[in-house]
Protein backbone atom coordinates (compact mmCIF):
# COMPACT_ATOMS: atom_id res chain seq x y z
CA MET A 1 -91.59 -90.09 53.71
CA TYR A 2 -92.62 -91.23 50.13
CA THR A 3 -90.12 -89.03 48.19
CA CYS A 4 -87.74 -89.43 45.34
CA GLU A 5 -84.47 -87.37 44.07
CA LYS A 6 -84.91 -84.09 42.67
CA GLU A 7 -88.56 -84.26 44.25
CA LYS A 8 -90.01 -85.90 41.52
CA SER A 9 -91.66 -87.99 44.17
CA VAL A 10 -92.07 -90.96 41.84
CA GLU A 11 -89.98 -94.02 40.77
CA ASP A 12 -88.08 -94.87 37.61
CA ILE A 13 -90.48 -97.49 37.06
CA CYS A 14 -93.84 -94.80 36.84
CA TYR A 15 -92.20 -93.85 33.48
CA GLU A 16 -91.69 -96.93 32.23
CA ASN A 17 -94.13 -97.89 28.69
CA GLU A 18 -95.59 -100.68 30.53
CA HIS A 19 -96.18 -99.16 33.63
CA VAL A 20 -98.04 -96.36 31.91
CA GLU A 21 -100.33 -98.90 29.97
CA LYS A 22 -100.84 -101.16 33.25
CA VAL A 23 -102.38 -97.22 34.73
CA LEU A 24 -104.30 -96.14 31.93
CA GLU A 25 -106.20 -100.00 31.37
CA THR A 26 -107.09 -99.68 35.49
CA ILE A 27 -108.47 -96.19 34.47
CA LYS A 28 -110.24 -97.23 31.43
CA THR A 29 -111.78 -100.50 33.41
CA ASN A 30 -113.07 -97.79 36.03
CA PHE A 31 -113.83 -94.85 33.86
CA PRO A 32 -117.73 -95.86 32.69
CA LYS A 33 -118.56 -96.59 36.49
CA TYR A 34 -117.75 -93.13 37.30
CA PHE A 35 -118.66 -91.47 34.06
CA ALA A 36 -122.23 -92.76 34.98
CA GLU A 37 -122.59 -91.24 38.33
CA PHE A 38 -121.12 -88.16 36.77
CA ILE A 39 -123.83 -88.27 34.49
CA SER A 40 -126.54 -88.93 36.57
CA GLN A 41 -125.62 -86.38 39.33
CA GLU A 42 -124.34 -83.68 36.74
CA ALA A 43 -121.12 -83.73 38.25
CA GLY A 44 -122.63 -83.43 41.96
CA SER A 45 -125.37 -80.56 41.38
CA ILE A 46 -127.74 -83.35 41.76
CA ALA A 47 -128.27 -85.90 44.71
CA SER A 48 -127.21 -89.69 44.01
CA GLU A 49 -130.34 -92.29 43.79
CA LYS A 50 -128.73 -93.71 47.00
CA ASP A 51 -128.81 -90.21 49.19
CA ILE A 52 -132.34 -89.73 47.69
CA GLN A 53 -133.31 -93.44 49.09
CA LYS A 54 -131.91 -92.46 52.18
CA LEU A 55 -133.51 -88.81 52.68
CA ALA A 56 -137.17 -91.15 51.58
CA GLU A 57 -136.39 -93.24 54.45
CA ASN A 58 -135.45 -90.42 56.92
CA TRP A 59 -138.78 -88.95 55.85
CA GLY A 60 -140.69 -92.18 56.38
CA ILE A 61 -141.94 -92.45 52.90
CA GLN A 62 -142.39 -95.99 51.79
CA ASN A 63 -141.69 -98.45 48.94
CA PHE A 64 -139.89 -95.41 47.49
CA LYS A 65 -138.13 -95.53 44.10
CA ALA A 66 -136.01 -93.28 42.29
CA LYS A 67 -136.43 -92.18 38.29
CA ASN A 68 -133.95 -93.96 36.47
CA ASN A 69 -134.87 -92.05 33.01
CA ILE A 70 -132.13 -90.37 32.83
CA ASN A 71 -131.41 -87.67 29.87
CA ILE A 72 -127.64 -88.52 29.51
CA SER A 73 -127.29 -85.93 26.48
CA GLN A 74 -129.11 -82.82 28.12
CA ASN A 75 -127.11 -83.69 31.73
CA PHE A 76 -123.62 -84.07 29.92
CA LYS A 77 -124.85 -80.84 28.10
CA ASN A 78 -125.52 -79.42 31.25
CA ILE A 79 -122.30 -80.50 33.19
CA ILE A 80 -120.31 -78.65 30.20
CA ARG A 81 -121.98 -75.45 30.30
CA GLU A 82 -121.97 -75.24 34.14
CA SER A 83 -118.42 -76.18 34.00
CA LEU A 84 -117.35 -73.36 31.68
CA GLU A 85 -119.24 -70.64 33.61
CA ASP A 86 -117.61 -71.69 36.57
CA PHE A 87 -114.43 -71.89 34.83
CA LYS A 88 -114.78 -68.27 33.40
CA LYS A 89 -115.22 -66.46 36.64
CA ASP A 90 -111.67 -65.72 37.59
CA ARG A 91 -110.25 -66.25 34.32
CA GLU A 92 -109.50 -62.97 33.31
CA LYS A 93 -107.05 -62.37 36.37
CA TYR A 94 -104.79 -64.90 35.01
CA PHE A 95 -104.48 -63.33 31.52
CA ASN A 96 -103.72 -59.71 33.44
CA ILE A 97 -101.09 -61.83 35.48
CA PHE A 98 -99.26 -63.31 32.05
CA ASN A 99 -99.50 -60.30 30.18
CA GLU A 100 -96.13 -59.53 28.94
CA GLU A 101 -95.90 -56.23 29.15
CA ALA A 102 -96.47 -56.09 32.72
CA LEU A 103 -94.36 -58.52 33.30
CA GLU A 104 -91.34 -56.63 31.92
CA GLU A 105 -92.60 -53.42 33.88
CA TYR A 106 -92.55 -55.37 37.28
CA LYS A 107 -88.94 -55.86 36.59
CA ASP A 108 -88.64 -52.23 38.24
CA ASP A 109 -90.61 -53.62 40.98
CA PRO A 110 -90.78 -56.80 41.95
CA GLN A 111 -91.68 -56.65 45.53
CA TYR A 112 -94.67 -55.04 43.87
CA PHE A 113 -95.54 -58.12 41.66
CA LYS A 114 -94.89 -60.08 44.57
CA SER A 115 -97.20 -58.29 47.58
CA THR A 116 -100.18 -57.07 45.13
CA VAL A 117 -100.47 -58.92 42.07
CA LEU A 118 -99.26 -62.55 43.52
CA LYS A 119 -100.79 -61.86 47.05
CA ASN A 120 -104.13 -60.12 46.28
CA GLU A 121 -104.86 -60.44 42.54
CA CYS A 122 -103.75 -64.19 41.70
CA PRO A 123 -106.83 -66.10 42.52
CA ILE A 124 -105.15 -69.34 43.77
CA ILE A 125 -102.56 -67.75 45.67
CA HIS A 126 -105.23 -65.32 47.50
CA SER A 127 -107.30 -67.72 48.52
CA THR A 128 -104.38 -69.79 49.83
CA ILE A 129 -102.82 -67.07 51.69
CA HIS A 130 -106.05 -65.59 52.90
CA ASN A 131 -107.74 -68.81 54.38
CA LYS A 132 -107.31 -67.93 57.92
CA GLN A 133 -109.40 -71.18 58.99
CA ALA A 134 -107.11 -73.38 57.63
CA LYS A 135 -104.26 -73.66 59.73
CA GLU A 136 -102.48 -76.48 57.67
CA LEU A 137 -101.96 -73.76 54.89
CA ASP A 138 -99.49 -71.49 57.39
CA LYS A 139 -96.63 -73.11 56.05
CA TYR A 140 -97.27 -71.92 52.45
CA ARG A 141 -98.29 -68.60 54.46
CA SER A 142 -94.49 -68.48 56.20
CA ALA A 143 -93.06 -69.82 52.49
CA PHE A 144 -94.46 -66.75 50.81
CA SER A 145 -93.57 -64.36 53.14
CA ARG A 146 -89.95 -65.69 52.61
CA SER A 147 -89.76 -66.21 48.83
CA GLU A 148 -87.75 -63.70 47.12
CA PRO A 149 -89.95 -61.13 44.89
CA THR A 150 -87.60 -61.50 41.97
CA GLU A 151 -87.55 -65.32 41.63
CA LEU A 152 -91.32 -65.54 41.78
CA LEU A 153 -91.67 -62.80 39.02
CA LYS A 154 -89.04 -64.93 37.12
CA LYS A 155 -90.76 -68.03 37.48
CA VAL A 156 -93.87 -66.72 36.47
CA THR A 157 -92.82 -64.86 33.86
CA ASN A 158 -90.88 -68.54 32.39
CA LEU A 159 -93.94 -69.96 32.79
CA ASN A 160 -95.93 -67.15 30.86
CA SER A 161 -93.10 -67.72 27.98
CA PHE A 162 -93.80 -71.05 27.74
CA GLY A 163 -97.35 -71.50 27.84
CA LYS A 164 -96.86 -69.06 24.49
CA ASN A 165 -94.52 -70.71 22.85
CA TYR A 166 -95.85 -73.69 23.24
CA TYR A 167 -99.46 -73.10 21.94
CA ARG A 168 -98.14 -71.08 19.17
CA ASN A 169 -95.02 -73.31 18.22
CA ILE A 170 -95.66 -77.11 19.58
CA TYR A 171 -99.67 -77.50 20.00
CA ASP A 172 -101.17 -78.40 16.69
CA LYS A 173 -104.51 -78.80 17.44
CA ASN A 174 -105.47 -81.12 14.22
CA LYS A 175 -102.43 -83.44 15.69
CA TYR A 176 -103.58 -83.28 19.33
CA GLU A 177 -106.04 -86.38 19.54
CA ASP A 178 -103.02 -88.35 17.62
CA ILE A 179 -100.54 -88.42 20.69
CA LYS A 180 -99.54 -92.21 21.70
CA THR A 181 -97.30 -91.48 24.47
CA TYR A 182 -96.53 -89.19 27.38
CA LYS A 183 -93.39 -88.02 26.06
CA GLU A 184 -95.10 -86.66 22.58
CA LEU A 185 -96.90 -83.58 25.08
CA LYS A 186 -93.57 -82.47 25.08
CA ILE A 187 -93.78 -80.49 28.64
CA SER A 188 -91.44 -82.18 30.59
CA ASP A 189 -89.67 -78.90 30.79
CA LEU A 190 -92.54 -78.10 33.36
CA ASP A 191 -90.86 -79.95 35.86
CA THR A 192 -87.70 -78.57 36.29
CA GLU A 193 -86.42 -75.78 38.41
CA ASP A 194 -86.87 -73.00 36.04
CA TYR A 195 -90.70 -73.04 36.62
CA ILE A 196 -90.74 -73.72 40.56
CA VAL A 197 -90.41 -71.90 43.78
CA TYR A 198 -90.26 -74.73 46.07
CA SER A 199 -92.91 -74.45 48.48
CA VAL A 200 -94.42 -71.45 46.94
CA ILE A 201 -95.06 -72.26 43.12
CA GLY A 202 -94.98 -75.66 42.80
CA GLY A 203 -97.11 -78.23 40.54
CA GLY A 204 -100.79 -77.44 41.71
CA ILE A 205 -100.19 -73.71 41.11
CA LYS A 206 -98.33 -73.24 37.87
CA SER A 207 -100.86 -76.26 36.28
CA HIS A 208 -103.78 -74.17 37.69
CA MET A 209 -102.09 -70.71 36.42
CA LEU A 210 -101.74 -72.18 32.78
CA TYR A 211 -104.75 -74.10 32.65
CA LYS A 212 -106.36 -71.02 33.13
CA VAL A 213 -105.22 -69.26 30.32
CA TYR A 214 -104.91 -72.81 27.84
CA PRO A 215 -107.71 -75.06 28.99
CA ALA A 216 -106.85 -76.80 25.00
CA ILE A 217 -103.59 -78.19 26.48
CA PHE A 218 -102.48 -77.51 30.47
CA PRO A 219 -104.57 -79.63 32.61
CA ASN A 220 -105.40 -78.71 36.35
CA ARG A 221 -103.31 -80.75 38.42
CA SER A 222 -105.46 -80.00 41.83
CA ARG A 223 -105.25 -81.94 45.02
CA ALA A 224 -108.43 -83.30 44.19
CA ALA A 225 -107.15 -84.40 40.55
CA VAL A 226 -104.10 -86.54 42.02
CA TRP A 227 -106.67 -88.27 44.70
CA ALA A 228 -109.07 -88.72 42.05
CA LEU A 229 -106.23 -90.86 40.00
CA TRP A 230 -105.57 -92.76 43.27
CA TYR A 231 -109.27 -94.08 42.88
CA LEU A 232 -109.45 -94.32 39.11
CA THR A 233 -106.44 -96.91 39.21
CA GLU A 234 -108.06 -98.71 42.26
CA LYS A 235 -105.18 -97.82 44.86
CA LYS A 236 -102.90 -100.08 43.20
CA LYS A 237 -99.51 -99.93 43.62
CA PHE A 238 -98.37 -101.16 39.88
CA ASN A 239 -95.11 -102.99 41.05
CA CYS A 240 -93.91 -99.27 43.01
CA LYS A 241 -91.67 -100.52 45.63
CA GLN A 242 -93.40 -98.15 47.96
CA ASP A 243 -97.23 -97.06 48.18
CA SER A 244 -99.42 -95.81 45.04
CA GLU A 245 -97.45 -93.20 43.12
CA PHE A 246 -100.22 -90.87 43.74
CA LEU A 247 -99.92 -90.46 47.13
CA MET A 248 -97.53 -89.35 49.86
CA ILE A 249 -97.47 -91.54 53.18
CA ASP A 250 -95.49 -90.46 56.44
CA ILE A 251 -96.34 -93.62 58.86
CA LYS A 252 -94.63 -91.82 61.64
CA LYS A 253 -97.23 -88.79 61.37
CA ASN A 254 -99.84 -91.27 60.26
CA ILE A 255 -100.62 -88.91 57.55
CA THR A 256 -101.46 -89.64 54.03
CA GLN A 257 -101.94 -86.99 51.02
CA GLN A 258 -101.84 -86.73 47.47
CA ASN A 259 -98.20 -86.57 45.89
CA TYR A 260 -97.90 -82.59 45.71
CA PHE A 261 -94.75 -83.89 43.76
CA TYR A 262 -96.33 -85.54 41.24
CA PRO A 263 -94.64 -85.09 37.63
CA TYR A 264 -96.71 -82.75 35.66
CA GLU A 265 -95.71 -84.51 32.68
CA LEU A 266 -97.14 -88.25 33.86
CA PHE A 267 -100.29 -86.11 35.21
CA SER A 268 -100.96 -84.45 31.99
CA PHE A 269 -100.80 -87.90 30.14
CA TYR A 270 -103.35 -89.39 32.21
CA ALA A 271 -105.57 -86.35 32.23
CA TYR A 272 -105.06 -86.24 28.19
CA LYS A 273 -106.19 -89.77 27.99
CA ILE A 274 -109.31 -89.09 30.33
CA SER A 275 -110.28 -86.07 28.03
CA LYS A 276 -110.33 -88.31 24.97
CA MET A 277 -112.63 -90.93 26.97
CA LEU A 278 -115.00 -88.25 27.79
CA ASN A 279 -115.00 -87.08 24.16
CA GLN A 280 -116.06 -90.56 23.43
CA LYS A 281 -119.00 -90.54 25.29
CA ALA A 282 -120.07 -87.31 24.07
CA LYS A 283 -119.68 -88.20 20.59
CA GLU A 284 -121.69 -90.94 21.48
CA ASN A 285 -124.35 -89.02 22.93
CA GLU A 286 -124.26 -86.37 20.50
CA VAL A 287 -122.80 -83.84 22.78
CA TYR A 288 -119.83 -81.51 21.71
CA ILE A 289 -117.06 -80.84 23.86
CA ASP A 290 -114.99 -77.97 22.75
CA PRO A 291 -111.49 -78.84 22.60
CA ASP A 292 -110.36 -75.44 23.07
CA ASN A 293 -112.20 -76.03 26.58
CA ARG A 294 -111.14 -80.18 26.78
CA TYR A 295 -109.57 -79.76 30.41
CA VAL A 296 -112.43 -77.69 32.09
CA ILE A 297 -114.54 -81.06 31.67
CA VAL A 298 -111.95 -83.36 32.85
CA ASP A 299 -111.23 -81.16 35.64
CA ALA A 300 -114.92 -81.17 36.72
CA PHE A 301 -114.74 -85.01 36.15
CA LEU A 302 -111.43 -85.75 38.45
CA SER A 303 -113.36 -83.18 40.85
CA PHE A 304 -116.57 -85.39 41.05
CA VAL A 305 -114.67 -88.58 41.45
CA ALA A 306 -112.47 -87.48 44.32
CA ASN A 307 -115.47 -85.83 45.67
CA GLN A 308 -117.24 -89.37 45.61
CA HIS A 309 -114.82 -90.06 48.14
CA GLU A 310 -114.54 -86.99 50.19
CA LYS A 311 -115.29 -88.87 53.54
CA GLU A 312 -112.20 -90.95 53.33
CA ILE A 313 -109.81 -88.48 51.77
CA THR A 314 -110.82 -86.41 55.00
CA PHE A 315 -109.77 -89.14 57.12
CA LEU A 316 -107.00 -89.89 55.36
CA ARG A 317 -105.45 -86.51 55.78
CA GLN A 318 -107.15 -85.80 58.99
CA GLN A 319 -103.65 -85.41 61.01
CA ILE A 320 -102.04 -82.66 58.47
CA LYS A 321 -104.04 -79.80 60.55
CA GLU A 322 -101.87 -80.80 63.23
CA SER A 323 -98.88 -81.10 61.00
CA GLY A 324 -99.23 -77.63 59.63
CA ASP A 325 -98.31 -79.35 56.00
CA GLY A 326 -99.56 -76.86 53.66
CA ASN A 327 -98.14 -78.08 50.71
CA ALA A 328 -100.61 -80.94 50.60
CA TRP A 329 -103.14 -78.35 49.28
CA TYR A 330 -101.10 -77.22 46.57
């Protein structure tokens, strides 16, 4: 299986500047194509011309021609508005979890924090645990059940402290757009054990929690987002000895899934660069992306890219249900 020391799950070459630049060059090459579809379909809320054409044929409509007069500016604004509306639906719950006074009080009853706050009041964990139809999540449910309440409270408290300190003392809104390398993001600590509860709070869940509170600085490293990077990079290996850094492959079990150990530091840098590409397109079309919510739009874009390949992703992951690998989700 595709693993590396300390569960980084990427080879050392992935951190080399030359490698990172090659990845970025390929993303930049493929970005315009996906962006055009992102806009024309309003992030998936409108059927593609290909789908419309197919429907017309099924209905027996001859010589059908889809409309090509797309209002890029208006569609982009609609995407931003709808993405923000969706983002805000459960955001308050994450603010409640990252409440310093409450976290301090939970020290007297860490079991309550685990069984009530995380299990029932944290949307991403609640949806994972209570999705009984997805048997592949049984492994996650079991791991959560066995997890130590004190450790969960400690790691979430650490996440809260990191987020607040980063926002107040490291993040500079006026200089953020000038960042050139992943090291300048200064978030490598998030890939250490101080912020991980293995099999329970991994890269996907911890990034989602931070993203919901600080969408200006912490991108959502979701399952779909990692798959999207695989497609944006044309499935290339970039001289990795094994397969793409964005995938985990188990040949014996015939399983391919997104690399759920993918370093948040590297993911964030690629997401940062994509945010700049989206912002450039916004400026060209007289659209404003609020930097305080930059990663909300990045999340919408990456989710759209992955959704464009939903059938292939489903096929590649088809054996996961049998293997019960719940980690593959987050």
